[in-house]
Amino acid sequence: MTVALWLGSSAPLRSIRWLDGALATAAKCGRATAIAAGDPAWLDLAADRATRAGLPSIGVPTELQLDYLGWAQVLAALVRQLGASTVLVDEASRPERAPEVAALAELLDAAQLTHVVALAPDGAVLHASRIAGGDLQTCRIGGPAVVGLRIAGKEIDEYPTPTPSAAMRRLDLAALDLDPGVLHYRALPPRAGREPRRTFERVADHLAVHVIRRPRDQQDNPET
Protein backbone atom coordinates (compact mmCIF):
# COMPACT_ATOMS: atom_id res chain seq x y z
CA MET A 1 0.00 0.00 0.00
CA THR A 2 1.37 3.40 -1.02
CA VAL A 3 0.12 6.25 1.15
CA ALA A 4 0.36 10.02 0.74
CA LEU A 5 -0.17 12.27 3.76
CA TRP A 6 -1.29 15.83 3.04
CA LEU A 7 -0.09 18.19 5.79
CA GLY A 8 -1.56 21.25 4.12
CA SER A 9 -0.45 24.58 2.74
CA SER A 10 0.30 26.40 6.00
CA ALA A 11 1.29 25.76 9.59
CA PRO A 12 -1.30 24.40 12.05
CA LEU A 13 -3.61 26.85 13.80
CA ARG A 14 -4.06 24.35 16.61
CA SER A 15 -1.51 22.35 18.61
CA ILE A 16 1.29 20.72 16.67
CA ARG A 17 0.15 17.46 18.28
CA TRP A 18 -2.41 17.07 15.47
CA LEU A 19 0.38 17.30 12.91
CA ASP A 20 2.43 14.73 14.82
CA GLY A 21 -0.61 12.46 15.20
CA ALA A 22 -1.23 12.43 11.45
CA LEU A 23 2.44 11.65 10.79
CA ALA A 24 2.50 8.82 13.35
CA THR A 25 -0.65 7.33 11.83
CA ALA A 26 0.79 7.45 8.31
CA ALA A 27 4.01 5.81 9.54
CA LYS A 28 2.00 2.72 10.52
CA CYS A 29 0.61 2.29 7.02
CA GLY A 30 3.73 1.09 5.23
CA ARG A 31 5.16 3.19 2.41
CA ALA A 32 4.01 6.69 3.27
CA THR A 33 5.20 10.11 2.13
CA ALA A 34 4.33 13.41 3.81
CA ILE A 35 3.41 16.28 1.49
CA ALA A 36 3.24 20.00 2.21
CA ALA A 37 3.04 23.18 0.14
CA GLY A 38 3.53 26.85 0.86
CA ASP A 39 6.21 29.19 2.18
CA PRO A 40 9.72 28.06 3.21
CA ALA A 41 9.13 28.42 6.96
CA TRP A 42 6.16 26.07 6.86
CA LEU A 43 8.00 23.57 4.65
CA ASP A 44 10.92 23.52 7.11
CA LEU A 45 8.52 22.78 9.97
CA ALA A 46 6.76 20.03 8.01
CA ALA A 47 10.10 18.47 7.02
CA ASP A 48 11.32 18.54 10.62
CA ARG A 49 8.22 16.84 12.03
CA ALA A 50 8.18 14.28 9.20
CA THR A 51 11.84 13.40 9.81
CA ARG A 52 11.12 12.91 13.52
CA ALA A 53 8.30 10.52 12.56
CA GLY A 54 10.60 8.62 10.21
CA LEU A 55 8.78 9.62 7.02
CA PRO A 56 10.16 10.99 3.75
CA SER A 57 8.62 14.28 2.68
CA ILE A 58 7.92 16.33 -0.42
CA GLY A 59 7.45 20.09 -0.43
CA VAL A 60 6.01 22.39 -3.08
CA PRO A 61 7.40 25.91 -2.52
CA THR A 62 4.87 28.49 -3.67
CA GLU A 63 3.57 31.90 -2.67
CA LEU A 64 0.12 31.19 -4.11
CA GLN A 65 -2.80 31.43 -1.68
CA LEU A 66 -5.35 29.04 -3.16
CA ASP A 67 -8.82 27.92 -2.20
CA TYR A 68 -9.54 24.28 -1.36
CA LEU A 69 -10.11 23.39 -5.02
CA GLY A 70 -6.74 24.85 -6.00
CA TRP A 71 -4.83 22.93 -3.36
CA ALA A 72 -6.73 19.77 -4.29
CA GLN A 73 -5.40 20.13 -7.85
CA VAL A 74 -1.83 20.46 -6.56
CA LEU A 75 -2.18 17.45 -4.28
CA ALA A 76 -3.90 15.33 -6.93
CA ALA A 77 -0.93 15.88 -9.26
CA LEU A 78 1.48 14.79 -6.53
CA VAL A 79 -0.61 11.74 -5.60
CA ARG A 80 -0.67 10.59 -9.21
CA GLN A 81 3.10 11.06 -9.48
CA LEU A 82 3.64 8.98 -6.33
CA GLY A 83 1.16 6.32 -7.44
CA ALA A 84 -0.55 6.47 -4.03
CA SER A 85 -3.87 4.65 -3.62
CA THR A 86 -4.68 6.10 -0.19
CA VAL A 87 -4.42 9.73 0.85
CA LEU A 88 -4.48 10.77 4.49
CA VAL A 89 -5.21 14.40 5.37
CA ASP A 90 -4.38 16.21 8.61
CA GLU A 91 -7.96 17.41 8.94
CA ALA A 92 -7.74 18.75 12.48
CA SER A 93 -5.00 21.38 12.21
CA ARG A 94 -6.90 23.91 10.09
CA PRO A 95 -10.60 24.32 9.16
CA GLU A 96 -9.96 24.35 5.38
CA ARG A 97 -8.64 20.78 5.44
CA ALA A 98 -12.17 19.27 5.53
CA PRO A 99 -13.34 20.68 2.16
CA GLU A 100 -9.96 19.71 0.69
CA VAL A 101 -10.77 16.07 1.53
CA ALA A 102 -13.98 16.23 -0.49
CA ALA A 103 -12.39 18.07 -3.43
CA LEU A 104 -9.45 15.68 -3.63
CA ALA A 105 -11.68 12.61 -3.44
CA GLU A 106 -13.69 13.93 -6.37
CA LEU A 107 -10.58 14.65 -8.46
CA LEU A 108 -9.14 11.18 -7.77
CA ASP A 109 -12.50 9.40 -8.10
CA ALA A 110 -11.93 7.93 -4.65
CA ALA A 111 -14.07 7.33 -1.59
CA GLN A 112 -13.87 9.90 1.19
CA LEU A 113 -14.00 9.47 4.93
CA THR A 114 -13.84 12.35 7.40
CA HIS A 115 -13.57 12.75 11.19
CA VAL A 116 -11.45 9.61 11.56
CA VAL A 117 -10.16 9.26 15.13
CA ALA A 118 -8.39 5.88 14.79
CA LEU A 119 -6.81 4.06 11.86
CA ALA A 120 -5.19 0.63 11.78
CA PRO A 121 -3.71 -1.11 8.72
CA ASP A 122 -4.44 -4.80 8.09
CA GLY A 123 -2.62 -5.82 4.94
CA ALA A 124 -4.30 -4.07 2.03
CA VAL A 125 -7.24 -2.99 4.21
CA LEU A 126 -7.50 -0.09 6.63
CA HIS A 127 -9.78 -0.26 9.66
CA ALA A 128 -11.03 3.23 10.50
CA SER A 129 -13.09 4.57 13.38
CA ARG A 130 -14.87 7.85 12.75
CA ILE A 131 -17.15 10.20 14.64
CA ALA A 132 -20.57 10.65 13.02
CA GLY A 133 -22.64 12.99 15.13
CA GLY A 134 -22.77 11.29 18.51
CA ASP A 135 -21.89 7.86 17.18
CA LEU A 136 -18.60 6.04 16.63
CA GLN A 137 -18.58 4.14 13.35
CA THR A 138 -16.12 1.46 12.24
CA CYS A 139 -15.32 1.21 8.54
CA ARG A 140 -13.17 -1.01 6.32
CA ILE A 141 -11.28 0.75 3.54
CA GLY A 142 -10.14 -1.55 0.76
CA GLY A 143 -9.88 0.71 -2.27
CA PRO A 144 -8.76 4.20 -3.27
CA ALA A 145 -9.77 6.60 -0.51
CA VAL A 146 -9.12 10.04 0.95
CA VAL A 147 -9.23 9.96 4.74
CA GLY A 148 -9.47 13.01 7.00
CA LEU A 149 -7.61 12.36 10.27
CA ARG A 150 -8.36 13.87 13.66
CA ILE A 151 -5.76 11.98 15.68
CA ALA A 152 -3.55 13.80 18.18
CA GLY A 153 0.05 12.85 18.83
CA LYS A 154 1.89 12.70 22.12
CA GLU A 155 1.95 15.72 24.39
CA ILE A 156 4.97 17.99 23.97
CA ASP A 157 5.98 20.99 26.04
CA GLU A 158 7.74 22.77 23.20
CA TYR A 159 9.56 22.00 20.00
CA PRO A 160 12.78 23.52 18.69
CA THR A 161 12.64 26.00 15.84
CA PRO A 162 13.10 23.94 12.67
CA THR A 163 16.03 24.66 10.41
CA PRO A 164 16.16 24.22 6.63
CA SER A 165 16.41 20.52 5.89
CA ALA A 166 17.84 18.77 2.87
CA ALA A 167 15.74 15.71 3.72
CA MET A 168 12.65 17.19 2.06
CA ARG A 169 12.40 16.71 -1.67
CA ARG A 170 11.20 19.96 -3.21
CA LEU A 171 9.20 20.15 -6.43
CA ASP A 172 7.96 23.24 -8.19
CA LEU A 173 4.60 23.45 -9.93
CA ALA A 174 6.17 22.97 -13.37
CA ALA A 175 7.54 19.58 -12.27
CA LEU A 176 3.93 18.57 -11.56
CA ASP A 177 2.75 19.77 -14.99
CA LEU A 178 0.77 22.54 -13.30
CA ASP A 179 0.53 26.05 -14.72
CA PRO A 180 0.68 28.78 -12.03
CA GLY A 181 -1.28 31.04 -14.40
CA VAL A 182 -4.16 28.56 -14.43
CA LEU A 183 -3.99 27.96 -10.68
CA HIS A 184 -4.11 31.72 -10.18
CA TYR A 185 -7.84 31.52 -10.95
CA ARG A 186 -8.22 29.48 -7.74
CA ALA A 187 -6.40 32.14 -5.69
CA LEU A 188 -8.17 33.55 -2.65
CA PRO A 189 -9.09 37.24 -2.94
CA PRO A 190 -6.93 39.47 -0.70
CA ARG A 191 -8.58 40.50 2.52
CA ALA A 192 -9.50 44.17 2.53
CA GLY A 193 -7.75 45.91 5.39
CA ARG A 194 -9.88 48.08 7.62
CA GLU A 195 -8.97 51.73 7.65
CA PRO A 196 -7.54 52.54 11.10
CA ARG A 197 -9.78 54.80 13.16
CA ARG A 198 -8.36 58.11 14.23
CA THR A 199 -7.50 58.64 17.86
CA PHE A 200 -10.26 61.14 18.67
CA GLU A 201 -12.87 58.79 17.16
CA ARG A 202 -11.73 55.95 19.41
CA VAL A 203 -11.78 58.24 22.47
CA ALA A 204 -15.28 59.45 21.58
CA ASP A 205 -16.49 55.85 21.31
CA HIS A 206 -15.13 55.04 24.79
CA LEU A 207 -16.64 58.18 26.35
CA ALA A 208 -20.03 57.76 24.70
CA VAL A 209 -21.04 54.95 27.06
CA HIS A 210 -20.45 57.21 30.09
CA VAL A 211 -22.41 60.23 28.83
CA ILE A 212 -25.79 60.77 30.49
CA ARG A 213 -28.24 61.74 27.78
CA ARG A 214 -30.78 64.40 28.75
CA PRO A 215 -34.39 64.24 27.58
CA ARG A 216 -35.06 66.12 24.33
CA ASP A 217 -37.18 68.84 26.04
CA GLN A 218 -34.29 69.66 28.38
CA GLN A 219 -31.91 69.87 25.42
CA ASP A 220 -34.22 72.41 23.73
CA ASN A 221 -34.57 74.45 26.94
CA PRO A 222 -31.18 74.70 28.71
CA GLU A 223 -32.69 76.65 31.67
CA THR A 224 -34.78 73.70 32.85
C-alpha atoms as a PDB file:
ATOM      1  CA  MET A   1       0.000   0.000   0.000  1.00  0.00           C
ATOM      2  CA  THR A   2       1.374   3.399  -1.018  1.00  0.00           C
ATOM      3  CA  VAL A   3       0.118   6.247   1.152  1.00  0.00           C
ATOM      4  CA  ALA A   4       0.359  10.020   0.737  1.00  0.00           C
ATOM      5  CA  LEU A   5      -0.168  12.272   3.758  1.00  0.00           C
ATOM      6  CA  TRP A   6      -1.289  15.831   3.045  1.00  0.00           C
ATOM      7  CA  LEU A   7      -0.090  18.189   5.788  1.00  0.00           C
ATOM      8  CA  GLY A   8      -1.562  21.248   4.116  1.00  0.00           C
ATOM      9  CA  SER A   9      -0.454  24.578   2.739  1.00  0.00           C
ATOM     10  CA  SER A  10       0.300  26.403   5.996  1.00  0.00           C
ATOM     11  CA  ALA A  11       1.288  25.763   9.595  1.00  0.00           C
ATOM     12  CA  PRO A  12      -1.295  24.400  12.053  1.00  0.00           C
ATOM     13  CA  LEU A  13      -3.610  26.846  13.796  1.00  0.00           C
ATOM     14  CA  ARG A  14      -4.057  24.349  16.613  1.00  0.00           C
ATOM     15  CA  SER A  15      -1.509  22.350  18.614  1.00  0.00           C
ATOM     16  CA  ILE A  16       1.294  20.723  16.672  1.00  0.00           C
ATOM     17  CA  ARG A  17       0.154  17.463  18.284  1.00  0.00           C
ATOM     18  CA  TRP A  18      -2.410  17.073  15.469  1.00  0.00           C
ATOM     19  CA  LEU A  19       0.378  17.304  12.910  1.00  0.00           C
ATOM     20  CA  ASP A  20       2.429  14.734  14.824  1.00  0.00           C
ATOM     21  CA  GLY A  21      -0.609  12.458  15.198  1.00  0.00           C
ATOM     22  CA  ALA A  22      -1.229  12.427  11.454  1.00  0.00           C
ATOM     23  CA  LEU A  23       2.443  11.651  10.793  1.00  0.00           C
ATOM     24  CA  ALA A  24       2.497   8.824  13.351  1.00  0.00           C
ATOM     25  CA  THR A  25      -0.650   7.330  11.830  1.00  0.00           C
ATOM     26  CA  ALA A  26       0.788   7.452   8.310  1.00  0.00           C
ATOM     27  CA  ALA A  27       4.013   5.809   9.544  1.00  0.00           C
ATOM     28  CA  LYS A  28       1.997   2.718  10.521  1.00  0.00           C
ATOM     29  CA  CYS A  29       0.608   2.290   7.017  1.00  0.00           C
ATOM     30  CA  GLY A  30       3.727   1.086   5.227  1.00  0.00           C
ATOM     31  CA  ARG A  31       5.160   3.188   2.410  1.00  0.00           C
ATOM     32  CA  ALA A  32       4.008   6.692   3.271  1.00  0.00           C
ATOM     33  CA  THR A  33       5.197  10.115   2.134  1.00  0.00           C
ATOM     34  CA  ALA A  34       4.335  13.410   3.807  1.00  0.00           C
ATOM     35  CA  ILE A  35       3.412  16.279   1.487  1.00  0.00           C
ATOM     36  CA  ALA A  36       3.242  20.002   2.206  1.00  0.00           C
ATOM     37  CA  ALA A  37       3.040  23.179   0.136  1.00  0.00           C
ATOM     38  CA  GLY A  38       3.531  26.854   0.860  1.00  0.00           C
ATOM     39  CA  ASP A  39       6.208  29.187   2.179  1.00  0.00           C
ATOM     40  CA  PRO A  40       9.719  28.056   3.206  1.00  0.00           C
ATOM     41  CA  ALA A  41       9.131  28.421   6.957  1.00  0.00           C
ATOM     42  CA  TRP A  42       6.162  26.070   6.861  1.00  0.00           C
ATOM     43  CA  LEU A  43       8.005  23.567   4.652  1.00  0.00           C
ATOM     44  CA  ASP A  44      10.923  23.524   7.110  1.00  0.00           C
ATOM     45  CA  LEU A  45       8.523  22.776   9.975  1.00  0.00           C
ATOM     46  CA  ALA A  46       6.757  20.032   8.008  1.00  0.00           C
ATOM     47  CA  ALA A  47      10.099  18.468   7.018  1.00  0.00           C
ATOM     48  CA  ASP A  48      11.320  18.542  10.618  1.00  0.00           C
ATOM     49  CA  ARG A  49       8.219  16.840  12.032  1.00  0.00           C
ATOM     50  CA  ALA A  50       8.177  14.277   9.196  1.00  0.00           C
ATOM     51  CA  THR A  51      11.838  13.403   9.808  1.00  0.00           C
ATOM     52  CA  ARG A  52      11.118  12.915  13.516  1.00  0.00           C
ATOM     53  CA  ALA A  53       8.304  10.525  12.563  1.00  0.00           C
ATOM     54  CA  GLY A  54      10.602   8.619  10.210  1.00  0.00           C
ATOM     55  CA  LEU A  55       8.783   9.615   7.018  1.00  0.00           C
ATOM     56  CA  PRO A  56      10.161  10.991   3.751  1.00  0.00           C
ATOM     57  CA  SER A  57       8.624  14.278   2.677  1.00  0.00           C
ATOM     58  CA  ILE A  58       7.924  16.332  -0.421  1.00  0.00           C
ATOM     59  CA  GLY A  59       7.450  20.090  -0.425  1.00  0.00           C
ATOM     60  CA  VAL A  60       6.007  22.394  -3.078  1.00  0.00           C
ATOM     61  CA  PRO A  61       7.397  25.909  -2.516  1.00  0.00           C
ATOM     62  CA  THR A  62       4.867  28.494  -3.670  1.00  0.00           C
ATOM     63  CA  GLU A  63       3.566  31.905  -2.672  1.00  0.00           C
ATOM     64  CA  LEU A  64       0.121  31.189  -4.107  1.00  0.00           C
ATOM     65  CA  GLN A  65      -2.798  31.430  -1.681  1.00  0.00           C
ATOM     66  CA  LEU A  66      -5.348  29.041  -3.157  1.00  0.00           C
ATOM     67  CA  ASP A  67      -8.820  27.916  -2.199  1.00  0.00           C
ATOM     68  CA  TYR A  68      -9.539  24.282  -1.364  1.00  0.00           C
ATOM     69  CA  LEU A  69     -10.108  23.388  -5.016  1.00  0.00           C
ATOM     70  CA  GLY A  70      -6.742  24.851  -6.003  1.00  0.00           C
ATOM     71  CA  TRP A  71      -4.832  22.931  -3.358  1.00  0.00           C
ATOM     72  CA  ALA A  72      -6.727  19.766  -4.290  1.00  0.00           C
ATOM     73  CA  GLN A  73      -5.399  20.128  -7.854  1.00  0.00           C
ATOM     74  CA  VAL A  74      -1.825  20.460  -6.565  1.00  0.00           C
ATOM     75  CA  LEU A  75      -2.180  17.452  -4.282  1.00  0.00           C
ATOM     76  CA  ALA A  76      -3.899  15.334  -6.934  1.00  0.00           C
ATOM     77  CA  ALA A  77      -0.927  15.883  -9.265  1.00  0.00           C
ATOM     78  CA  LEU A  78       1.475  14.791  -6.526  1.00  0.00           C
ATOM     79  CA  VAL A  79      -0.606  11.742  -5.600  1.00  0.00           C
ATOM     80  CA  ARG A  80      -0.668  10.586  -9.210  1.00  0.00           C
ATOM     81  CA  GLN A  81       3.096  11.055  -9.478  1.00  0.00           C
ATOM     82  CA  LEU A  82       3.642   8.976  -6.331  1.00  0.00           C
ATOM     83  CA  GLY A  83       1.156   6.324  -7.438  1.00  0.00           C
ATOM     84  CA  ALA A  84      -0.555   6.465  -4.031  1.00  0.00           C
ATOM     85  CA  SER A  85      -3.869   4.652  -3.621  1.00  0.00           C
ATOM     86  CA  THR A  86      -4.681   6.100  -0.193  1.00  0.00           C
ATOM     87  CA  VAL A  87      -4.421   9.732   0.850  1.00  0.00           C
ATOM     88  CA  LEU A  88      -4.480  10.770   4.486  1.00  0.00           C
ATOM     89  CA  VAL A  89      -5.208  14.401   5.367  1.00  0.00           C
ATOM     90  CA  ASP A  90      -4.379  16.207   8.607  1.00  0.00           C
ATOM     91  CA  GLU A  91      -7.957  17.410   8.935  1.00  0.00           C
ATOM     92  CA  ALA A  92      -7.743  18.754  12.481  1.00  0.00           C
ATOM     93  CA  SER A  93      -4.997  21.381  12.206  1.00  0.00           C
ATOM     94  CA  ARG A  94      -6.901  23.909  10.090  1.00  0.00           C
ATOM     95  CA  PRO A  95     -10.598  24.316   9.158  1.00  0.00           C
ATOM     96  CA  GLU A  96      -9.959  24.353   5.383  1.00  0.00           C
ATOM     97  CA  ARG A  97      -8.643  20.780   5.445  1.00  0.00           C
ATOM     98  CA  ALA A  98     -12.174  19.266   5.527  1.00  0.00           C
ATOM     99  CA  PRO A  99     -13.341  20.679   2.162  1.00  0.00           C
ATOM    100  CA  GLU A 100      -9.959  19.708   0.690  1.00  0.00           C
ATOM    101  CA  VAL A 101     -10.770  16.069   1.535  1.00  0.00           C
ATOM    102  CA  ALA A 102     -13.978  16.225  -0.492  1.00  0.00           C
ATOM    103  CA  ALA A 103     -12.392  18.075  -3.435  1.00  0.00           C
ATOM    104  CA  LEU A 104      -9.451  15.676  -3.630  1.00  0.00           C
ATOM    105  CA  ALA A 105     -11.682  12.609  -3.444  1.00  0.00           C
ATOM    106  CA  GLU A 106     -13.689  13.929  -6.375  1.00  0.00           C
ATOM    107  CA  LEU A 107     -10.577  14.647  -8.464  1.00  0.00           C
ATOM    108  CA  LEU A 108      -9.140  11.179  -7.766  1.00  0.00           C
ATOM    109  CA  ASP A 109     -12.504   9.404  -8.103  1.00  0.00           C
ATOM    110  CA  ALA A 110     -11.933   7.929  -4.653  1.00  0.00           C
ATOM    111  CA  ALA A 111     -14.066   7.327  -1.590  1.00  0.00           C
ATOM    112  CA  GLN A 112     -13.874   9.903   1.191  1.00  0.00           C
ATOM    113  CA  LEU A 113     -13.998   9.470   4.934  1.00  0.00           C
ATOM    114  CA  THR A 114     -13.844  12.348   7.404  1.00  0.00           C
ATOM    115  CA  HIS A 115     -13.571  12.745  11.193  1.00  0.00           C
ATOM    116  CA  VAL A 116     -11.448   9.607  11.556  1.00  0.00           C
ATOM    117  CA  VAL A 117     -10.164   9.256  15.125  1.00  0.00           C
ATOM    118  CA  ALA A 118      -8.387   5.882  14.794  1.00  0.00           C
ATOM    119  CA  LEU A 119      -6.810   4.059  11.862  1.00  0.00           C
ATOM    120  CA  ALA A 120      -5.191   0.631  11.781  1.00  0.00           C
ATOM    121  CA  PRO A 121      -3.714  -1.113   8.724  1.00  0.00           C
ATOM    122  CA  ASP A 122      -4.438  -4.800   8.091  1.00  0.00           C
ATOM    123  CA  GLY A 123      -2.623  -5.821   4.935  1.00  0.00           C
ATOM    124  CA  ALA A 124      -4.299  -4.070   2.027  1.00  0.00           C
ATOM    125  CA  VAL A 125      -7.240  -2.993   4.210  1.00  0.00           C
ATOM    126  CA  LEU A 126      -7.500  -0.089   6.627  1.00  0.00           C
ATOM    127  CA  HIS A 127      -9.778  -0.260   9.662  1.00  0.00           C
ATOM    128  CA  ALA A 128     -11.032   3.226  10.500  1.00  0.00           C
ATOM    129  CA  SER A 129     -13.090   4.574  13.377  1.00  0.00           C
ATOM    130  CA  ARG A 130     -14.872   7.853  12.750  1.00  0.00           C
ATOM    131  CA  ILE A 131     -17.149  10.205  14.636  1.00  0.00           C
ATOM    132  CA  ALA A 132     -20.566  10.654  13.019  1.00  0.00           C
ATOM    133  CA  GLY A 133     -22.641  12.993  15.131  1.00  0.00           C
ATOM    134  CA  GLY A 134     -22.767  11.289  18.513  1.00  0.00           C
ATOM    135  CA  ASP A 135     -21.892   7.856  17.179  1.00  0.00           C
ATOM    136  CA  LEU A 136     -18.601   6.042  16.627  1.00  0.00           C
ATOM    137  CA  GLN A 137     -18.579   4.144  13.352  1.00  0.00           C
ATOM    138  CA  THR A 138     -16.121   1.455  12.237  1.00  0.00           C
ATOM    139  CA  CYS A 139     -15.318   1.212   8.536  1.00  0.00           C
ATOM    140  CA  ARG A 140     -13.172  -1.007   6.325  1.00  0.00           C
ATOM    141  CA  ILE A 141     -11.280   0.752   3.539  1.00  0.00           C
ATOM    142  CA  GLY A 142     -10.138  -1.549   0.764  1.00  0.00           C
ATOM    143  CA  GLY A 143      -9.878   0.707  -2.269  1.00  0.00           C
ATOM    144  CA  PRO A 144      -8.758   4.201  -3.270  1.00  0.00           C
ATOM    145  CA  ALA A 145      -9.769   6.595  -0.507  1.00  0.00           C
ATOM    146  CA  VAL A 146      -9.119  10.037   0.949  1.00  0.00           C
ATOM    147  CA  VAL A 147      -9.225   9.957   4.743  1.00  0.00           C
ATOM    148  CA  GLY A 148      -9.469  13.008   6.996  1.00  0.00           C
ATOM    149  CA  LEU A 149      -7.614  12.362  10.272  1.00  0.00           C
ATOM    150  CA  ARG A 150      -8.359  13.872  13.658  1.00  0.00           C
ATOM    151  CA  ILE A 151      -5.760  11.978  15.683  1.00  0.00           C
ATOM    152  CA  ALA A 152      -3.548  13.798  18.183  1.00  0.00           C
ATOM    153  CA  GLY A 153       0.049  12.847  18.831  1.00  0.00           C
ATOM    154  CA  LYS A 154       1.892  12.696  22.124  1.00  0.00           C
ATOM    155  CA  GLU A 155       1.955  15.725  24.392  1.00  0.00           C
ATOM    156  CA  ILE A 156       4.973  17.988  23.969  1.00  0.00           C
ATOM    157  CA  ASP A 157       5.979  20.992  26.036  1.00  0.00           C
ATOM    158  CA  GLU A 158       7.737  22.772  23.205  1.00  0.00           C
ATOM    159  CA  TYR A 159       9.557  21.995  19.998  1.00  0.00           C
ATOM    160  CA  PRO A 160      12.777  23.518  18.685  1.00  0.00           C
ATOM    161  CA  THR A 161      12.637  26.004  15.843  1.00  0.00           C
ATOM    162  CA  PRO A 162      13.104  23.939  12.673  1.00  0.00           C
ATOM    163  CA  THR A 163      16.033  24.657  10.413  1.00  0.00           C
ATOM    164  CA  PRO A 164      16.159  24.222   6.627  1.00  0.00           C
ATOM    165  CA  SER A 165      16.408  20.518   5.885  1.00  0.00           C
ATOM    166  CA  ALA A 166      17.845  18.765   2.867  1.00  0.00           C
ATOM    167  CA  ALA A 167      15.741  15.709   3.721  1.00  0.00           C
ATOM    168  CA  MET A 168      12.654  17.186   2.064  1.00  0.00           C
ATOM    169  CA  ARG A 169      12.401  16.711  -1.667  1.00  0.00           C
ATOM    170  CA  ARG A 170      11.201  19.962  -3.206  1.00  0.00           C
ATOM    171  CA  LEU A 171       9.201  20.149  -6.431  1.00  0.00           C
ATOM    172  CA  ASP A 172       7.956  23.238  -8.191  1.00  0.00           C
ATOM    173  CA  LEU A 173       4.601  23.453  -9.930  1.00  0.00           C
ATOM    174  CA  ALA A 174       6.168  22.974 -13.367  1.00  0.00           C
ATOM    175  CA  ALA A 175       7.536  19.584 -12.266  1.00  0.00           C
ATOM    176  CA  LEU A 176       3.935  18.569 -11.563  1.00  0.00           C
ATOM    177  CA  ASP A 177       2.748  19.769 -14.987  1.00  0.00           C
ATOM    178  CA  LEU A 178       0.769  22.540 -13.302  1.00  0.00           C
ATOM    179  CA  ASP A 179       0.532  26.053 -14.722  1.00  0.00           C
ATOM    180  CA  PRO A 180       0.676  28.785 -12.033  1.00  0.00           C
ATOM    181  CA  GLY A 181      -1.282  31.036 -14.401  1.00  0.00           C
ATOM    182  CA  VAL A 182      -4.161  28.556 -14.429  1.00  0.00           C
ATOM    183  CA  LEU A 183      -3.991  27.959 -10.679  1.00  0.00           C
ATOM    184  CA  HIS A 184      -4.111  31.721 -10.177  1.00  0.00           C
ATOM    185  CA  TYR A 185      -7.839  31.518 -10.948  1.00  0.00           C
ATOM    186  CA  ARG A 186      -8.216  29.485  -7.743  1.00  0.00           C
ATOM    187  CA  ALA A 187      -6.398  32.143  -5.691  1.00  0.00           C
ATOM    188  CA  LEU A 188      -8.174  33.549  -2.653  1.00  0.00           C
ATOM    189  CA  PRO A 189      -9.086  37.244  -2.939  1.00  0.00           C
ATOM    190  CA  PRO A 190      -6.934  39.467  -0.702  1.00  0.00           C
ATOM    191  CA  ARG A 191      -8.578  40.503   2.521  1.00  0.00           C
ATOM    192  CA  ALA A 192      -9.498  44.170   2.534  1.00  0.00           C
ATOM    193  CA  GLY A 193      -7.753  45.913   5.392  1.00  0.00           C
ATOM    194  CA  ARG A 194      -9.884  48.076   7.618  1.00  0.00           C
ATOM    195  CA  GLU A 195      -8.967  51.732   7.652  1.00  0.00           C
ATOM    196  CA  PRO A 196      -7.545  52.536  11.098  1.00  0.00           C
ATOM    197  CA  ARG A 197      -9.777  54.796  13.156  1.00  0.00           C
ATOM    198  CA  ARG A 198      -8.361  58.114  14.226  1.00  0.00           C
ATOM    199  CA  THR A 199      -7.504  58.641  17.864  1.00  0.00           C
ATOM    200  CA  PHE A 200     -10.259  61.135  18.667  1.00  0.00           C
ATOM    201  CA  GLU A 201     -12.872  58.786  17.160  1.00  0.00           C
ATOM    202  CA  ARG A 202     -11.726  55.949  19.406  1.00  0.00           C
ATOM    203  CA  VAL A 203     -11.775  58.240  22.466  1.00  0.00           C
ATOM    204  CA  ALA A 204     -15.282  59.453  21.578  1.00  0.00           C
ATOM    205  CA  ASP A 205     -16.491  55.849  21.312  1.00  0.00           C
ATOM    206  CA  HIS A 206     -15.131  55.045  24.790  1.00  0.00           C
ATOM    207  CA  LEU A 207     -16.641  58.184  26.354  1.00  0.00           C
ATOM    208  CA  ALA A 208     -20.026  57.758  24.702  1.00  0.00           C
ATOM    209  CA  VAL A 209     -21.037  54.948  27.057  1.00  0.00           C
ATOM    210  CA  HIS A 210     -20.452  57.207  30.087  1.00  0.00           C
ATOM    211  CA  VAL A 211     -22.408  60.233  28.831  1.00  0.00           C
ATOM    212  CA  ILE A 212     -25.793  60.768  30.491  1.00  0.00           C
ATOM    213  CA  ARG A 213     -28.238  61.738  27.778  1.00  0.00           C
ATOM    214  CA  ARG A 214     -30.779  64.398  28.747  1.00  0.00           C
ATOM    215  CA  PRO A 215     -34.394  64.237  27.578  1.00  0.00           C
ATOM    216  CA  ARG A 216     -35.061  66.122  24.329  1.00  0.00           C
ATOM    217  CA  ASP A 217     -37.178  68.838  26.042  1.00  0.00           C
ATOM    218  CA  GLN A 218     -34.292  69.661  28.378  1.00  0.00           C
ATOM    219  CA  GLN A 219     -31.910  69.871  25.420  1.00  0.00           C
ATOM    220  CA  ASP A 220     -34.216  72.411  23.734  1.00  0.00           C
ATOM    221  CA  ASN A 221     -34.573  74.455  26.939  1.00  0.00           C
ATOM    222  CA  PRO A 222     -31.177  74.698  28.709  1.00  0.00           C
ATOM    223  CA  GLU A 223     -32.690  76.652  31.666  1.00  0.00           C
ATOM    224  CA  THR A 224     -34.778  73.704  32.848  1.00  0.00           C
END
